All heavy atoms as atom14 arrays in JSON, in Angstrom:
{
  "sequence": "IAVEAVKHISAVGNDFGSALGACGKGTQMVWVSSGGPHMRFDGGIL",
  "atom14_mask": [
    [1, 1, 1, 1, 1, 1, 1, 1, 0, 0, 0, 0, 0, 0],
    [1, 1, 1, 1, 1, 0, 0, 0, 0, 0, 0, 0, 0, 0],
    [1, 1, 1, 1, 1, 1, 1, 0, 0, 0, 0, 0, 0, 0],
    [1, 1, 1, 1, 1, 1, 1, 1, 1, 0, 0, 0, 0, 0],
    [1, 1, 1, 1, 1, 0, 0, 0, 0, 0, 0, 0, 0, 0],
    [1, 1, 1, 1, 1, 1, 1, 0, 0, 0, 0, 0, 0, 0],
    [1, 1, 1, 1, 1, 1, 1, 1, 1, 0, 0, 0, 0, 0],
    [1, 1, 1, 1, 1, 1, 1, 1, 1, 1, 0, 0, 0, 0],
    [1, 1, 1, 1, 1, 1, 1, 1, 0, 0, 0, 0, 0, 0],
    [1, 1, 1, 1, 1, 1, 0, 0, 0, 0, 0, 0, 0, 0],
    [1, 1, 1, 1, 1, 0, 0, 0, 0, 0, 0, 0, 0, 0],
    [1, 1, 1, 1, 1, 1, 1, 0, 0, 0, 0, 0, 0, 0],
    [1, 1, 1, 1, 0, 0, 0, 0, 0, 0, 0, 0, 0, 0],
    [1, 1, 1, 1, 1, 1, 1, 1, 0, 0, 0, 0, 0, 0],
    [1, 1, 1, 1, 1, 1, 1, 1, 0, 0, 0, 0, 0, 0],
    [1, 1, 1, 1, 1, 1, 1, 1, 1, 1, 1, 0, 0, 0],
    [1, 1, 1, 1, 0, 0, 0, 0, 0, 0, 0, 0, 0, 0],
    [1, 1, 1, 1, 1, 1, 0, 0, 0, 0, 0, 0, 0, 0],
    [1, 1, 1, 1, 1, 0, 0, 0, 0, 0, 0, 0, 0, 0],
    [1, 1, 1, 1, 1, 1, 1, 1, 0, 0, 0, 0, 0, 0],
    [1, 1, 1, 1, 0, 0, 0, 0, 0, 0, 0, 0, 0, 0],
    [1, 1, 1, 1, 1, 0, 0, 0, 0, 0, 0, 0, 0, 0],
    [1, 1, 1, 1, 1, 1, 0, 0, 0, 0, 0, 0, 0, 0],
    [1, 1, 1, 1, 0, 0, 0, 0, 0, 0, 0, 0, 0, 0],
    [1, 1, 1, 1, 1, 1, 1, 1, 1, 0, 0, 0, 0, 0],
    [1, 1, 1, 1, 0, 0, 0, 0, 0, 0, 0, 0, 0, 0],
    [1, 1, 1, 1, 1, 1, 1, 0, 0, 0, 0, 0, 0, 0],
    [1, 1, 1, 1, 1, 1, 1, 1, 1, 0, 0, 0, 0, 0],
    [1, 1, 1, 1, 1, 1, 1, 1, 0, 0, 0, 0, 0, 0],
    [1, 1, 1, 1, 1, 1, 1, 0, 0, 0, 0, 0, 0, 0],
    [1, 1, 1, 1, 1, 1, 1, 1, 1, 1, 1, 1, 1, 1],
    [1, 1, 1, 1, 1, 1, 1, 0, 0, 0, 0, 0, 0, 0],
    [1, 1, 1, 1, 1, 1, 0, 0, 0, 0, 0, 0, 0, 0],
    [1, 1, 1, 1, 1, 1, 0, 0, 0, 0, 0, 0, 0, 0],
    [1, 1, 1, 1, 0, 0, 0, 0, 0, 0, 0, 0, 0, 0],
    [1, 1, 1, 1, 0, 0, 0, 0, 0, 0, 0, 0, 0, 0],
    [1, 1, 1, 1, 1, 1, 1, 0, 0, 0, 0, 0, 0, 0],
    [1, 1, 1, 1, 1, 1, 1, 1, 1, 1, 0, 0, 0, 0],
    [1, 1, 1, 1, 1, 1, 1, 1, 0, 0, 0, 0, 0, 0],
    [1, 1, 1, 1, 1, 1, 1, 1, 1, 1, 1, 0, 0, 0],
    [1, 1, 1, 1, 1, 1, 1, 1, 1, 1, 1, 0, 0, 0],
    [1, 1, 1, 1, 1, 1, 1, 1, 0, 0, 0, 0, 0, 0],
    [1, 1, 1, 1, 0, 0, 0, 0, 0, 0, 0, 0, 0, 0],
    [1, 1, 1, 1, 0, 0, 0, 0, 0, 0, 0, 0, 0, 0],
    [1, 1, 1, 1, 1, 1, 1, 1, 0, 0, 0, 0, 0, 0],
    [1, 1, 1, 1, 1, 1, 1, 1, 0, 0, 0, 0, 0, 0]
  ],
  "atom14_positions": [
    [[0.36, -28.19, -50.53], [1.49, -27.26, -50.45], [2.74, -28.12, -50.56], [3.02, -28.94, -49.68], [1.5, -26.47, -49.13], [0.16, -25.77, -48.9], [2.65, -25.47, -49.11], [-0.15, -24.67, -49.87], [0.0, 0.0, 0.0], [0.0, 0.0, 0.0], [0.0, 0.0, 0.0], [0.0, 0.0, 0.0], [0.0, 0.0, 0.0], [0.0, 0.0, 0.0]],
    [[3.5, -27.95, -51.62], [4.6, -28.89, -51.92], [5.61, -28.98, -50.79], [6.08, -30.07, -50.46], [5.29, -28.49, -53.21], [0.0, 0.0, 0.0], [0.0, 0.0, 0.0], [0.0, 0.0, 0.0], [0.0, 0.0, 0.0], [0.0, 0.0, 0.0], [0.0, 0.0, 0.0], [0.0, 0.0, 0.0], [0.0, 0.0, 0.0], [0.0, 0.0, 0.0]],
    [[5.98, -27.84, -50.17], [6.98, -27.9, -49.1], [6.47, -28.67, -47.89], [7.26, -29.17, -47.08], [7.45, -26.49, -48.68], [8.25, -25.84, -49.78], [6.28, -25.62, -48.25], [0.0, 0.0, 0.0], [0.0, 0.0, 0.0], [0.0, 0.0, 0.0], [0.0, 0.0, 0.0], [0.0, 0.0, 0.0], [0.0, 0.0, 0.0], [0.0, 0.0, 0.0]],
    [[5.14, -28.78, -47.75], [4.57, -29.61, -46.69], [4.37, -31.04, -47.18], [4.62, -32.01, -46.45], [3.25, -29.02, -46.21], [3.38, -27.66, -45.55], [4.28, -27.7, -44.33], [4.21, -28.7, -43.57], [5.04, -26.73, -44.1], [0.0, 0.0, 0.0], [0.0, 0.0, 0.0], [0.0, 0.0, 0.0], [0.0, 0.0, 0.0], [0.0, 0.0, 0.0]],
    [[3.92, -31.19, -48.42], [3.63, -32.52, -48.95], [4.87, -33.4, -49.01], [4.81, -34.6, -48.71], [3.0, -32.41, -50.34], [0.0, 0.0, 0.0], [0.0, 0.0, 0.0], [0.0, 0.0, 0.0], [0.0, 0.0, 0.0], [0.0, 0.0, 0.0], [0.0, 0.0, 0.0], [0.0, 0.0, 0.0], [0.0, 0.0, 0.0], [0.0, 0.0, 0.0]],
    [[6.02, -32.82, -49.41], [7.23, -33.64, -49.56], [7.68, -34.24, -48.23], [8.4, -35.25, -48.21], [8.38, -32.86, -50.22], [8.04, -32.51, -51.65], [8.75, -31.62, -49.41], [0.0, 0.0, 0.0], [0.0, 0.0, 0.0], [0.0, 0.0, 0.0], [0.0, 0.0, 0.0], [0.0, 0.0, 0.0], [0.0, 0.0, 0.0], [0.0, 0.0, 0.0]],
    [[7.26, -33.65, -47.11], [7.61, -34.21, -45.8], [6.91, -35.55, -45.58], [7.32, -36.33, -44.72], [7.22, -33.24, -44.7], [7.96, -31.91, -44.74], [7.43, -30.94, -43.7], [8.12, -29.58, -43.81], [7.56, -28.59, -42.84], [0.0, 0.0, 0.0], [0.0, 0.0, 0.0], [0.0, 0.0, 0.0], [0.0, 0.0, 0.0], [0.0, 0.0, 0.0]],
    [[5.85, -35.79, -46.35], [5.05, -37.0, -46.18], [5.4, -38.08, -47.22], [4.69, -39.08, -47.31], [3.56, -36.66, -46.28], [3.08, -35.73, -45.22], [2.67, -36.15, -43.98], [2.96, -34.37, -45.21], [2.31, -35.12, -43.23], [2.46, -34.02, -43.97], [0.0, 0.0, 0.0], [0.0, 0.0, 0.0], [0.0, 0.0, 0.0], [0.0, 0.0, 0.0]],
    [[6.47, -37.88, -47.98], [6.91, -38.93, -48.92], [7.44, -40.1, -48.1], [8.33, -39.94, -47.25], [7.99, -38.4, -49.87], [7.43, -37.29, -50.77], [8.54, -39.55, -50.73], [8.47, -36.61, -51.63], [0.0, 0.0, 0.0], [0.0, 0.0, 0.0], [0.0, 0.0, 0.0], [0.0, 0.0, 0.0], [0.0, 0.0, 0.0], [0.0, 0.0, 0.0]],
    [[6.9, -41.26, -48.36], [7.31, -42.45, -47.6], [8.08, -43.46, -48.43], [8.7, -44.37, -47.88], [6.08, -43.13, -46.98], [5.16, -43.49, -47.99], [0.0, 0.0, 0.0], [0.0, 0.0, 0.0], [0.0, 0.0, 0.0], [0.0, 0.0, 0.0], [0.0, 0.0, 0.0], [0.0, 0.0, 0.0], [0.0, 0.0, 0.0], [0.0, 0.0, 0.0]],
    [[8.04, -43.3, -49.77], [8.76, -44.24, -50.64], [9.04, -43.59, -51.99], [8.2, -42.86, -52.51], [7.96, -45.53, -50.83], [0.0, 0.0, 0.0], [0.0, 0.0, 0.0], [0.0, 0.0, 0.0], [0.0, 0.0, 0.0], [0.0, 0.0, 0.0], [0.0, 0.0, 0.0], [0.0, 0.0, 0.0], [0.0, 0.0, 0.0], [0.0, 0.0, 0.0]],
    [[10.23, -43.86, -52.52], [10.63, -43.35, -53.83], [11.01, -44.54, -54.7], [11.83, -45.38, -54.31], [11.83, -42.38, -53.71], [12.27, -41.9, -55.09], [11.46, -41.18, -52.83], [0.0, 0.0, 0.0], [0.0, 0.0, 0.0], [0.0, 0.0, 0.0], [0.0, 0.0, 0.0], [0.0, 0.0, 0.0], [0.0, 0.0, 0.0], [0.0, 0.0, 0.0]],
    [[10.41, -44.63, -55.87], [10.57, -45.79, -56.73], [11.94, -45.92, -57.36], [12.71, -44.95, -57.47], [0.0, 0.0, 0.0], [0.0, 0.0, 0.0], [0.0, 0.0, 0.0], [0.0, 0.0, 0.0], [0.0, 0.0, 0.0], [0.0, 0.0, 0.0], [0.0, 0.0, 0.0], [0.0, 0.0, 0.0], [0.0, 0.0, 0.0], [0.0, 0.0, 0.0]],
    [[12.24, -47.12, -57.82], [13.52, -47.4, -58.48], [13.42, -47.3, -60.0], [14.32, -47.72, -60.72], [14.05, -48.78, -58.09], [13.03, -49.9, -58.37], [12.07, -49.71, -59.12], [13.25, -51.06, -57.77], [0.0, 0.0, 0.0], [0.0, 0.0, 0.0], [0.0, 0.0, 0.0], [0.0, 0.0, 0.0], [0.0, 0.0, 0.0], [0.0, 0.0, 0.0]],
    [[12.31, -46.74, -60.48], [12.11, -46.56, -61.92], [12.27, -45.09, -62.27], [12.62, -44.26, -61.42], [10.73, -47.07, -62.33], [9.61, -46.38, -61.56], [9.89, -45.7, -60.55], [8.44, -46.5, -61.96], [0.0, 0.0, 0.0], [0.0, 0.0, 0.0], [0.0, 0.0, 0.0], [0.0, 0.0, 0.0], [0.0, 0.0, 0.0], [0.0, 0.0, 0.0]],
    [[12.02, -44.73, -63.52], [12.12, -43.33, -63.93], [11.31, -43.13, -65.21], [11.33, -43.97, -66.12], [13.58, -42.93, -64.2], [13.76, -41.46, -64.47], [13.88, -40.55, -63.43], [13.79, -40.97, -65.77], [14.04, -39.19, -63.67], [13.95, -39.62, -66.03], [14.07, -38.72, -64.98], [0.0, 0.0, 0.0], [0.0, 0.0, 0.0], [0.0, 0.0, 0.0]],
    [[10.59, -42.01, -65.26], [9.86, -41.63, -66.46], [9.88, -40.12, -66.6], [10.16, -39.41, -65.63], [0.0, 0.0, 0.0], [0.0, 0.0, 0.0], [0.0, 0.0, 0.0], [0.0, 0.0, 0.0], [0.0, 0.0, 0.0], [0.0, 0.0, 0.0], [0.0, 0.0, 0.0], [0.0, 0.0, 0.0], [0.0, 0.0, 0.0], [0.0, 0.0, 0.0]],
    [[9.61, -39.63, -67.79], [9.65, -38.18, -67.99], [8.53, -37.73, -68.9], [7.91, -38.53, -69.6], [11.0, -37.75, -68.58], [11.21, -38.33, -69.85], [0.0, 0.0, 0.0], [0.0, 0.0, 0.0], [0.0, 0.0, 0.0], [0.0, 0.0, 0.0], [0.0, 0.0, 0.0], [0.0, 0.0, 0.0], [0.0, 0.0, 0.0], [0.0, 0.0, 0.0]],
    [[8.27, -36.45, -68.86], [7.28, -35.81, -69.72], [7.92, -34.57, -70.32], [8.85, -34.0, -69.74], [6.04, -35.43, -68.92], [0.0, 0.0, 0.0], [0.0, 0.0, 0.0], [0.0, 0.0, 0.0], [0.0, 0.0, 0.0], [0.0, 0.0, 0.0], [0.0, 0.0, 0.0], [0.0, 0.0, 0.0], [0.0, 0.0, 0.0], [0.0, 0.0, 0.0]],
    [[7.43, -34.14, -71.48], [8.03, -32.98, -72.13], [6.95, -32.02, -72.58], [5.79, -32.36, -72.72], [8.92, -33.41, -73.31], [8.27, -34.26, -74.41], [7.62, -33.38, -75.46], [9.32, -35.15, -75.06], [0.0, 0.0, 0.0], [0.0, 0.0, 0.0], [0.0, 0.0, 0.0], [0.0, 0.0, 0.0], [0.0, 0.0, 0.0], [0.0, 0.0, 0.0]],
    [[7.38, -30.78, -72.79], [6.45, -29.77, -73.26], [7.1, -28.4, -73.23], [8.32, -28.28, -73.19], [0.0, 0.0, 0.0], [0.0, 0.0, 0.0], [0.0, 0.0, 0.0], [0.0, 0.0, 0.0], [0.0, 0.0, 0.0], [0.0, 0.0, 0.0], [0.0, 0.0, 0.0], [0.0, 0.0, 0.0], [0.0, 0.0, 0.0], [0.0, 0.0, 0.0]],
    [[6.27, -27.37, -73.24], [6.76, -25.99, -73.21], [6.37, -25.35, -71.89], [5.26, -25.55, -71.4], [6.18, -25.2, -74.38], [0.0, 0.0, 0.0], [0.0, 0.0, 0.0], [0.0, 0.0, 0.0], [0.0, 0.0, 0.0], [0.0, 0.0, 0.0], [0.0, 0.0, 0.0], [0.0, 0.0, 0.0], [0.0, 0.0, 0.0], [0.0, 0.0, 0.0]],
    [[7.29, -24.59, -71.32], [7.06, -23.93, -70.04], [7.03, -22.43, -70.25], [7.91, -21.87, -70.93], [8.18, -24.3, -69.06], [8.19, -23.3, -67.56], [0.0, 0.0, 0.0], [0.0, 0.0, 0.0], [0.0, 0.0, 0.0], [0.0, 0.0, 0.0], [0.0, 0.0, 0.0], [0.0, 0.0, 0.0], [0.0, 0.0, 0.0], [0.0, 0.0, 0.0]],
    [[6.03, -21.78, -69.67], [5.91, -20.34, -69.79], [6.42, -19.62, -68.56], [6.26, -20.07, -67.43], [0.0, 0.0, 0.0], [0.0, 0.0, 0.0], [0.0, 0.0, 0.0], [0.0, 0.0, 0.0], [0.0, 0.0, 0.0], [0.0, 0.0, 0.0], [0.0, 0.0, 0.0], [0.0, 0.0, 0.0], [0.0, 0.0, 0.0], [0.0, 0.0, 0.0]],
    [[7.05, -18.47, -68.8], [7.48, -17.57, -67.72], [7.39, -16.17, -68.27], [8.12, -15.82, -69.2], [8.9, -17.89, -67.26], [9.35, -17.08, -66.04], [10.72, -17.54, -65.58], [11.19, -16.79, -64.36], [12.53, -17.23, -63.91], [0.0, 0.0, 0.0], [0.0, 0.0, 0.0], [0.0, 0.0, 0.0], [0.0, 0.0, 0.0], [0.0, 0.0, 0.0]],
    [[6.47, -15.37, -67.72], [6.21, -14.09, -68.34], [5.59, -14.32, -69.71], [4.63, -15.07, -69.86], [0.0, 0.0, 0.0], [0.0, 0.0, 0.0], [0.0, 0.0, 0.0], [0.0, 0.0, 0.0], [0.0, 0.0, 0.0], [0.0, 0.0, 0.0], [0.0, 0.0, 0.0], [0.0, 0.0, 0.0], [0.0, 0.0, 0.0], [0.0, 0.0, 0.0]],
    [[6.17, -13.72, -70.72], [5.66, -13.88, -72.09], [6.46, -14.9, -72.89], [6.2, -15.08, -74.07], [5.71, -12.52, -72.82], [7.06, -12.05, -72.85], [4.83, -11.5, -72.11], [0.0, 0.0, 0.0], [0.0, 0.0, 0.0], [0.0, 0.0, 0.0], [0.0, 0.0, 0.0], [0.0, 0.0, 0.0], [0.0, 0.0, 0.0], [0.0, 0.0, 0.0]],
    [[7.43, -15.55, -72.26], [8.31, -16.46, -72.99], [7.96, -17.92, -72.73], [7.53, -18.29, -71.65], [9.77, -16.24, -72.59], [10.34, -14.89, -72.99], [11.85, -14.88, -72.87], [12.52, -15.8, -73.34], [12.38, -13.84, -72.26], [0.0, 0.0, 0.0], [0.0, 0.0, 0.0], [0.0, 0.0, 0.0], [0.0, 0.0, 0.0], [0.0, 0.0, 0.0]],
    [[8.18, -18.76, -73.77], [8.03, -20.2, -73.66], [9.35, -20.86, -74.05], [10.0, -20.43, -75.01], [6.92, -20.71, -74.59], [5.56, -20.07, -74.37], [4.76, -20.59, -72.85], [4.35, -22.29, -73.24], [0.0, 0.0, 0.0], [0.0, 0.0, 0.0], [0.0, 0.0, 0.0], [0.0, 0.0, 0.0], [0.0, 0.0, 0.0], [0.0, 0.0, 0.0]],
    [[9.75, -21.89, -73.31], [10.92, -22.68, -73.7], [10.59, -24.16, -73.55], [9.72, -24.54, -72.76], [12.17, -22.33, -72.85], [12.62, -20.9, -73.1], [11.93, -22.58, -71.37], [0.0, 0.0, 0.0], [0.0, 0.0, 0.0], [0.0, 0.0, 0.0], [0.0, 0.0, 0.0], [0.0, 0.0, 0.0], [0.0, 0.0, 0.0], [0.0, 0.0, 0.0]],
    [[11.3, -24.99, -74.3], [11.12, -26.43, -74.22], [11.75, -26.96, -72.95], [12.88, -26.61, -72.61], [11.74, -27.12, -75.43], [11.17, -26.76, -76.76], [11.82, -26.16, -77.79], [9.83, -26.99, -77.23], [10.98, -25.99, -78.87], [9.75, -26.5, -78.55], [8.7, -27.56, -76.65], [8.58, -26.56, -79.3], [7.53, -27.62, -77.39], [7.48, -27.13, -78.7]],
    [[11.04, -27.83, -72.25], [11.54, -28.43, -71.01], [11.08, -29.88, -70.92], [10.17, -30.32, -71.62], [11.02, -27.68, -69.76], [11.53, -26.25, -69.72], [9.49, -27.71, -69.69], [0.0, 0.0, 0.0], [0.0, 0.0, 0.0], [0.0, 0.0, 0.0], [0.0, 0.0, 0.0], [0.0, 0.0, 0.0], [0.0, 0.0, 0.0], [0.0, 0.0, 0.0]],
    [[11.74, -30.61, -70.02], [11.26, -31.92, -69.59], [11.19, -31.91, -68.07], [11.84, -31.1, -67.4], [12.22, -33.03, -70.03], [12.23, -33.19, -71.42], [0.0, 0.0, 0.0], [0.0, 0.0, 0.0], [0.0, 0.0, 0.0], [0.0, 0.0, 0.0], [0.0, 0.0, 0.0], [0.0, 0.0, 0.0], [0.0, 0.0, 0.0], [0.0, 0.0, 0.0]],
    [[10.39, -32.81, -67.54], [10.35, -33.05, -66.1], [10.11, -34.52, -65.89], [9.62, -35.22, -66.78], [9.27, -32.2, -65.43], [8.02, -32.34, -66.08], [0.0, 0.0, 0.0], [0.0, 0.0, 0.0], [0.0, 0.0, 0.0], [0.0, 0.0, 0.0], [0.0, 0.0, 0.0], [0.0, 0.0, 0.0], [0.0, 0.0, 0.0], [0.0, 0.0, 0.0]],
    [[10.48, -35.01, -64.72], [10.35, -36.45, -64.55], [10.59, -36.9, -63.13], [10.68, -36.11, -62.19], [0.0, 0.0, 0.0], [0.0, 0.0, 0.0], [0.0, 0.0, 0.0], [0.0, 0.0, 0.0], [0.0, 0.0, 0.0], [0.0, 0.0, 0.0], [0.0, 0.0, 0.0], [0.0, 0.0, 0.0], [0.0, 0.0, 0.0], [0.0, 0.0, 0.0]],
    [[10.71, -38.22, -63.0], [10.95, -38.82, -61.7], [10.47, -40.26, -61.68], [9.99, -40.8, -62.68], [0.0, 0.0, 0.0], [0.0, 0.0, 0.0], [0.0, 0.0, 0.0], [0.0, 0.0, 0.0], [0.0, 0.0, 0.0], [0.0, 0.0, 0.0], [0.0, 0.0, 0.0], [0.0, 0.0, 0.0], [0.0, 0.0, 0.0], [0.0, 0.0, 0.0]],
    [[10.57, -40.9, -60.55], [10.08, -42.27, -60.39], [8.67, -42.25, -59.81], [8.09, -41.19, -59.56], [11.07, -42.83, -59.37], [11.38, -41.65, -58.49], [11.34, -40.43, -59.39], [0.0, 0.0, 0.0], [0.0, 0.0, 0.0], [0.0, 0.0, 0.0], [0.0, 0.0, 0.0], [0.0, 0.0, 0.0], [0.0, 0.0, 0.0], [0.0, 0.0, 0.0]],
    [[8.09, -43.42, -59.57], [6.88, -43.5, -58.76], [7.22, -43.03, -57.34], [8.33, -43.26, -56.85], [6.37, -44.95, -58.69], [5.59, -45.36, -59.9], [6.2, -45.76, -61.08], [4.24, -45.45, -60.11], [5.26, -46.07, -61.97], [4.08, -45.89, -61.42], [0.0, 0.0, 0.0], [0.0, 0.0, 0.0], [0.0, 0.0, 0.0], [0.0, 0.0, 0.0]],
    [[6.27, -42.36, -56.7], [6.49, -41.87, -55.34], [5.22, -42.08, -54.52], [4.11, -41.93, -55.03], [6.86, -40.38, -55.35], [8.1, -40.08, -56.17], [8.49, -38.31, -56.26], [9.1, -38.05, -54.6], [0.0, 0.0, 0.0], [0.0, 0.0, 0.0], [0.0, 0.0, 0.0], [0.0, 0.0, 0.0], [0.0, 0.0, 0.0], [0.0, 0.0, 0.0]],
    [[5.41, -42.41, -53.25], [4.26, -42.61, -52.36], [4.23, -41.5, -51.31], [5.24, -41.19, -50.68], [4.35, -43.98, -51.67], [3.26, -44.18, -50.62], [3.24, -45.61, -50.11], [2.51, -45.71, -48.84], [2.24, -46.86, -48.22], [2.62, -48.0, -48.77], [1.61, -46.86, -47.06], [0.0, 0.0, 0.0], [0.0, 0.0, 0.0], [0.0, 0.0, 0.0]],
    [[3.05, -40.91, -51.15], [2.8, -39.89, -50.14], [1.78, -40.44, -49.14], [0.69, -40.85, -49.54], [2.23, -38.62, -50.78], [3.21, -37.83, -51.61], [3.63, -38.3, -52.85], [3.7, -36.61, -51.16], [4.52, -37.57, -53.62], [4.6, -35.87, -51.93], [5.01, -36.36, -53.16], [0.0, 0.0, 0.0], [0.0, 0.0, 0.0], [0.0, 0.0, 0.0]],
    [[2.12, -40.41, -47.87], [1.18, -40.8, -46.83], [0.7, -39.55, -46.1], [0.93, -39.37, -44.9], [1.83, -41.8, -45.85], [2.01, -43.17, -46.46], [1.12, -43.58, -47.23], [3.03, -43.81, -46.21], [0.0, 0.0, 0.0], [0.0, 0.0, 0.0], [0.0, 0.0, 0.0], [0.0, 0.0, 0.0], [0.0, 0.0, 0.0], [0.0, 0.0, 0.0]],
    [[0.04, -38.67, -46.84], [-0.44, -37.42, -46.3], [0.1, -36.25, -47.1], [0.97, -36.4, -47.97], [0.0, 0.0, 0.0], [0.0, 0.0, 0.0], [0.0, 0.0, 0.0], [0.0, 0.0, 0.0], [0.0, 0.0, 0.0], [0.0, 0.0, 0.0], [0.0, 0.0, 0.0], [0.0, 0.0, 0.0], [0.0, 0.0, 0.0], [0.0, 0.0, 0.0]],
    [[-0.42, -35.06, -46.84], [0.06, -33.85, -47.48], [-0.58, -33.55, -48.83], [-0.37, -32.48, -49.39], [0.0, 0.0, 0.0], [0.0, 0.0, 0.0], [0.0, 0.0, 0.0], [0.0, 0.0, 0.0], [0.0, 0.0, 0.0], [0.0, 0.0, 0.0], [0.0, 0.0, 0.0], [0.0, 0.0, 0.0], [0.0, 0.0, 0.0], [0.0, 0.0, 0.0]],
    [[-1.34, -34.51, -49.37], [-2.03, -34.31, -50.65], [-3.51, -34.62, -50.46], [-3.87, -35.7, -49.99], [-1.44, -35.21, -51.75], [0.01, -34.81, -52.05], [-2.28, -35.09, -53.03], [0.68, -35.65, -53.12], [0.0, 0.0, 0.0], [0.0, 0.0, 0.0], [0.0, 0.0, 0.0], [0.0, 0.0, 0.0], [0.0, 0.0, 0.0], [0.0, 0.0, 0.0]],
    [[-4.34, -33.67, -50.82], [-5.8, -33.84, -50.74], [-6.33, -34.2, -52.11], [-6.06, -33.49, -53.09], [-6.45, -32.56, -50.24], [-7.99, -32.54, -50.18], [-8.49, -33.51, -49.12], [-8.5, -31.13, -49.91], [0.0, 0.0, 0.0], [0.0, 0.0, 0.0], [0.0, 0.0, 0.0], [0.0, 0.0, 0.0], [0.0, 0.0, 0.0], [0.0, 0.0, 0.0]]
  ]
}
């Protein structure tokens, strides 16, 4: 559960990377990117 998992983030990296693709909402698709650095979770993810 993301709102619970993010409480367990213990480190956020100093790098950055991204991914791209199409995102659907209803019947529509639009081009998007998403990204971030390396991140460490000490719990909250199974």
